[in-house]
Amino acid sequence: MPPPQFLSQARLGTRVVVRYRIEGGLTDALGELVARTGSECTVRTRRADVVVPLALVVAAKEVPPAPPRRGPRNFS
């Protein structure tokens, strides 16, 4: 299935990684698929919501849930 088709059919809330073109190369958005239209999708990453034009997507797939965050280290 082509990546834009996968993104248009994936359930909102699915954890995904999306590779897309930017000026000078490619980049990835890893996070929860939170919105989509006919021309773009929004991935909620740890830092911000990333709006990705579907025309620039070169790869996309579902990924497993993020591992739990580690607690603070104790230096005793």
N, C-alpha and C. Protein backbone atom coordinates (compact mmCIF):
# COMPACT_ATOMS: atom_id res chain seq x y z
N MET A 1 0.85 -1.17 0.00
CA MET A 1 0.00 0.00 0.00
C MET A 1 0.90 1.25 0.00
N PRO A 2 0.66 2.18 -0.90
CA PRO A 2 1.47 3.41 -0.94
C PRO A 2 1.32 4.20 0.37
N PRO A 3 2.39 4.86 0.82
CA PRO A 3 2.35 5.56 2.11
C PRO A 3 1.19 6.55 2.27
N PRO A 4 0.88 7.41 1.26
CA PRO A 4 -0.25 8.32 1.46
C PRO A 4 -1.58 7.57 1.66
N GLN A 5 -1.73 6.44 0.98
CA GLN A 5 -2.94 5.64 1.15
C GLN A 5 -2.99 5.06 2.57
N PHE A 6 -1.86 4.56 3.07
CA PHE A 6 -1.81 4.06 4.45
C PHE A 6 -2.25 5.15 5.42
N LEU A 7 -1.71 6.36 5.26
CA LEU A 7 -2.05 7.45 6.18
C LEU A 7 -3.50 7.87 6.07
N SER A 8 -4.08 7.76 4.89
CA SER A 8 -5.49 8.14 4.73
C SER A 8 -6.42 7.10 5.32
N GLN A 9 -5.94 5.87 5.52
CA GLN A 9 -6.78 4.80 6.05
C GLN A 9 -6.47 4.44 7.50
N ALA A 10 -5.32 4.84 8.02
CA ALA A 10 -4.93 4.49 9.39
C ALA A 10 -5.88 5.16 10.39
N ARG A 11 -6.17 4.46 11.46
CA ARG A 11 -7.03 4.98 12.52
C ARG A 11 -6.35 6.17 13.20
N LEU A 12 -7.09 7.24 13.44
CA LEU A 12 -6.54 8.33 14.22
C LEU A 12 -6.18 7.78 15.59
N GLY A 13 -5.05 8.20 16.12
CA GLY A 13 -4.55 7.67 17.38
C GLY A 13 -3.49 6.61 17.20
N THR A 14 -3.31 6.13 15.97
CA THR A 14 -2.28 5.13 15.67
C THR A 14 -0.90 5.78 15.79
N ARG A 15 0.05 5.07 16.37
CA ARG A 15 1.43 5.57 16.44
C ARG A 15 2.11 5.23 15.12
N VAL A 16 2.67 6.24 14.48
CA VAL A 16 3.24 6.08 13.14
C VAL A 16 4.60 6.75 13.06
N VAL A 17 5.35 6.33 12.05
CA VAL A 17 6.53 7.08 11.64
C VAL A 17 6.30 7.44 10.17
N VAL A 18 6.54 8.71 9.85
CA VAL A 18 6.32 9.23 8.49
C VAL A 18 7.62 9.86 8.01
N ARG A 19 8.15 9.37 6.91
CA ARG A 19 9.34 9.97 6.29
C ARG A 19 8.86 10.83 5.13
N TYR A 20 9.33 12.07 5.12
CA TYR A 20 8.88 12.99 4.07
C TYR A 20 10.02 13.91 3.64
N ARG A 21 9.83 14.49 2.45
CA ARG A 21 10.85 15.35 1.85
C ARG A 21 10.83 16.74 2.49
N ILE A 22 12.02 17.26 2.74
CA ILE A 22 12.20 18.65 3.13
C ILE A 22 13.29 19.21 2.23
N GLU A 23 13.46 20.52 2.25
CA GLU A 23 14.52 21.11 1.45
C GLU A 23 15.86 20.53 1.90
N GLY A 24 16.57 19.93 0.98
CA GLY A 24 17.88 19.37 1.29
C GLY A 24 17.88 17.92 1.71
N GLY A 25 16.73 17.25 1.70
CA GLY A 25 16.74 15.83 2.06
C GLY A 25 15.42 15.31 2.57
N LEU A 26 15.52 14.44 3.58
CA LEU A 26 14.35 13.79 4.15
C LEU A 26 14.38 13.95 5.67
N THR A 27 13.22 13.85 6.29
CA THR A 27 13.13 13.85 7.75
C THR A 27 11.98 12.94 8.16
N ASP A 28 11.94 12.60 9.44
CA ASP A 28 10.90 11.70 9.97
C ASP A 28 10.08 12.41 11.03
N ALA A 29 8.81 12.04 11.10
CA ALA A 29 7.93 12.45 12.19
C ALA A 29 7.46 11.17 12.86
N LEU A 30 7.73 11.03 14.15
CA LEU A 30 7.36 9.84 14.91
C LEU A 30 6.39 10.26 16.00
N GLY A 31 5.20 9.67 15.99
CA GLY A 31 4.23 10.02 17.02
C GLY A 31 2.85 9.51 16.66
N GLU A 32 1.85 10.14 17.26
CA GLU A 32 0.46 9.73 17.11
C GLU A 32 -0.20 10.49 15.95
N LEU A 33 -0.87 9.75 15.07
CA LEU A 33 -1.62 10.36 13.98
C LEU A 33 -2.87 11.00 14.58
N VAL A 34 -2.96 12.33 14.56
CA VAL A 34 -4.05 13.02 15.25
C VAL A 34 -5.05 13.69 14.31
N ALA A 35 -4.68 13.91 13.06
CA ALA A 35 -5.60 14.56 12.12
C ALA A 35 -5.15 14.28 10.70
N ARG A 36 -6.09 14.44 9.77
CA ARG A 36 -5.74 14.32 8.35
C ARG A 36 -6.83 14.97 7.51
N THR A 37 -6.40 15.40 6.35
CA THR A 37 -7.31 15.91 5.33
C THR A 37 -6.96 15.16 4.05
N GLY A 38 -7.52 15.57 2.95
CA GLY A 38 -7.19 14.93 1.69
C GLY A 38 -5.78 15.22 1.21
N SER A 39 -5.14 16.26 1.80
CA SER A 39 -3.82 16.65 1.31
C SER A 39 -2.72 16.64 2.36
N GLU A 40 -3.06 16.44 3.64
CA GLU A 40 -2.02 16.45 4.67
C GLU A 40 -2.45 15.63 5.88
N CYS A 41 -1.46 15.29 6.71
CA CYS A 41 -1.75 14.61 7.97
C CYS A 41 -0.97 15.32 9.08
N THR A 42 -1.44 15.14 10.31
CA THR A 42 -0.79 15.75 11.46
C THR A 42 -0.34 14.65 12.41
N VAL A 43 0.95 14.67 12.75
CA VAL A 43 1.54 13.70 13.67
C VAL A 43 1.94 14.46 14.94
N ARG A 44 1.45 14.01 16.09
CA ARG A 44 1.80 14.62 17.37
C ARG A 44 3.06 13.96 17.89
N THR A 45 4.19 14.65 17.78
CA THR A 45 5.47 14.13 18.26
C THR A 45 5.66 14.57 19.71
N ARG A 46 6.77 14.20 20.32
CA ARG A 46 7.05 14.63 21.70
C ARG A 46 7.17 16.13 21.82
N ARG A 47 7.61 16.78 20.76
CA ARG A 47 7.88 18.22 20.82
C ARG A 47 6.75 19.10 20.32
N ALA A 48 6.02 18.64 19.30
CA ALA A 48 4.99 19.49 18.69
C ALA A 48 4.16 18.69 17.70
N ASP A 49 3.07 19.28 17.26
CA ASP A 49 2.30 18.70 16.16
C ASP A 49 3.02 19.05 14.86
N VAL A 50 3.21 18.04 14.01
CA VAL A 50 3.89 18.23 12.73
C VAL A 50 2.88 17.98 11.62
N VAL A 51 2.65 18.98 10.78
CA VAL A 51 1.74 18.85 9.64
C VAL A 51 2.57 18.46 8.43
N VAL A 52 2.22 17.31 7.84
CA VAL A 52 3.00 16.75 6.73
C VAL A 52 2.14 16.71 5.48
N PRO A 53 2.52 17.41 4.41
CA PRO A 53 1.80 17.30 3.15
C PRO A 53 1.94 15.87 2.59
N LEU A 54 0.83 15.24 2.26
CA LEU A 54 0.87 13.86 1.76
C LEU A 54 1.69 13.74 0.48
N ALA A 55 1.73 14.79 -0.32
CA ALA A 55 2.50 14.75 -1.57
C ALA A 55 4.00 14.61 -1.32
N LEU A 56 4.47 14.93 -0.10
CA LEU A 56 5.89 14.86 0.21
C LEU A 56 6.28 13.57 0.93
N VAL A 57 5.30 12.73 1.27
CA VAL A 57 5.56 11.50 2.02
C VAL A 57 6.19 10.46 1.11
N VAL A 58 7.30 9.87 1.57
CA VAL A 58 7.96 8.80 0.81
C VAL A 58 7.82 7.45 1.49
N ALA A 59 7.53 7.43 2.81
CA ALA A 59 7.34 6.18 3.54
C ALA A 59 6.53 6.46 4.79
N ALA A 60 5.74 5.48 5.21
CA ALA A 60 4.96 5.60 6.44
C ALA A 60 4.56 4.22 6.89
N LYS A 61 4.57 4.02 8.23
CA LYS A 61 4.13 2.73 8.76
C LYS A 61 3.72 2.90 10.21
N GLU A 62 2.94 1.92 10.69
CA GLU A 62 2.58 1.87 12.09
C GLU A 62 3.78 1.36 12.88
N VAL A 63 3.96 1.89 14.08
CA VAL A 63 5.05 1.45 14.96
C VAL A 63 4.48 1.09 16.33
N PRO A 64 5.19 0.27 17.10
CA PRO A 64 4.71 -0.12 18.42
C PRO A 64 4.65 1.07 19.38
N PRO A 65 3.91 0.92 20.47
CA PRO A 65 3.85 2.00 21.47
C PRO A 65 5.25 2.34 22.00
N ALA A 66 5.39 3.58 22.41
CA ALA A 66 6.68 4.03 22.97
C ALA A 66 6.95 3.29 24.27
N PRO A 67 8.21 2.97 24.54
CA PRO A 67 8.54 2.34 25.82
C PRO A 67 8.28 3.33 26.95
N PRO A 68 8.02 2.83 28.16
CA PRO A 68 7.80 3.75 29.28
C PRO A 68 9.07 4.57 29.55
N ARG A 69 8.87 5.80 29.96
CA ARG A 69 10.01 6.66 30.28
C ARG A 69 10.69 6.17 31.55
N ARG A 70 11.99 6.32 31.58
CA ARG A 70 12.76 5.95 32.77
C ARG A 70 12.56 6.99 33.87
N GLY A 71 12.61 6.53 35.08
CA GLY A 71 12.56 7.44 36.22
C GLY A 71 13.91 8.10 36.42
N PRO A 72 13.99 9.05 37.33
CA PRO A 72 15.28 9.71 37.59
C PRO A 72 16.26 8.73 38.22
N ARG A 73 17.52 8.94 37.93
CA ARG A 73 18.56 8.08 38.50
C ARG A 73 18.84 8.48 39.93
N ASN A 74 19.10 7.49 40.75
CA ASN A 74 19.52 7.75 42.14
C ASN A 74 21.02 7.54 42.22
N PHE A 75 21.73 8.54 42.64
CA PHE A 75 23.19 8.46 42.75
C PHE A 75 23.60 8.31 44.22
N SER A 76 23.16 7.23 44.86
CA SER A 76 23.52 7.02 46.26
C SER A 76 24.67 6.06 46.38
